[in-house]
Every structure is written in C-alpha cells, then in structure tokens.
Amino acid sequence: MKKRGLTREGIITLILVLLIAGFVLYFIFKLLKII
C-alpha cells in the first residue's frame, strides 16, 4: 500500500529536486553576474 506523504522515497525525491533547482538557480545567477 502506497501512501502519499513523507515517505523515505518522497523525502529523497524532494531533496534531489531541491538540489537540482538550487544548482540551476546558482548557475543562472553566476551567468548573469558574468554578463
């Protein structure tokens, strides 16, 4: 039975999404500063 909520897989997925989003935003910010 799968419940939607804070499961281990959900937390791991959330952390990965936040990390990827953070890297993308950081990369864009650096590019904007260079330009």
Protein backbone atom coordinates (compact mmCIF):
# COMPACT_ATOMS: atom_id res chain seq x y z
CA MET A 1 0.00 0.00 0.00
CA LYS A 2 1.43 3.33 -1.07
CA LYS A 3 0.50 6.44 0.83
CA ARG A 4 1.15 9.92 -0.49
CA GLY A 5 3.12 11.91 2.03
CA LEU A 6 6.51 11.99 3.69
CA THR A 7 7.88 8.58 2.88
CA ARG A 8 11.61 7.89 2.53
CA GLU A 9 11.33 7.87 -1.26
CA GLY A 10 9.31 11.09 -1.19
CA ILE A 11 11.88 12.82 1.03
CA ILE A 12 14.78 11.64 -1.16
CA THR A 13 12.97 12.82 -4.32
CA LEU A 14 12.19 16.17 -2.69
CA ILE A 15 15.84 16.65 -1.66
CA LEU A 16 17.06 15.75 -5.16
CA VAL A 17 14.61 18.20 -6.76
CA LEU A 18 15.67 20.98 -4.36
CA LEU A 19 19.36 20.27 -5.02
CA ILE A 20 18.87 20.33 -8.80
CA ALA A 21 16.80 23.53 -8.59
CA GLY A 22 19.45 25.10 -6.35
CA PHE A 23 22.26 24.23 -8.77
CA VAL A 24 20.28 25.60 -11.74
CA LEU A 25 19.48 28.86 -9.93
CA TYR A 26 23.11 29.20 -8.79
CA PHE A 27 24.36 28.57 -12.33
CA ILE A 28 21.95 31.15 -13.82
CA PHE A 29 22.92 33.67 -11.14
CA LYS A 30 26.64 33.19 -11.93
CA LEU A 31 26.00 33.58 -15.67
CA LEU A 32 24.01 36.78 -15.04
CA LYS A 33 26.81 38.16 -12.86
CA ILE A 34 29.38 37.39 -15.57
CA ILE A 35 27.23 39.16 -18.17
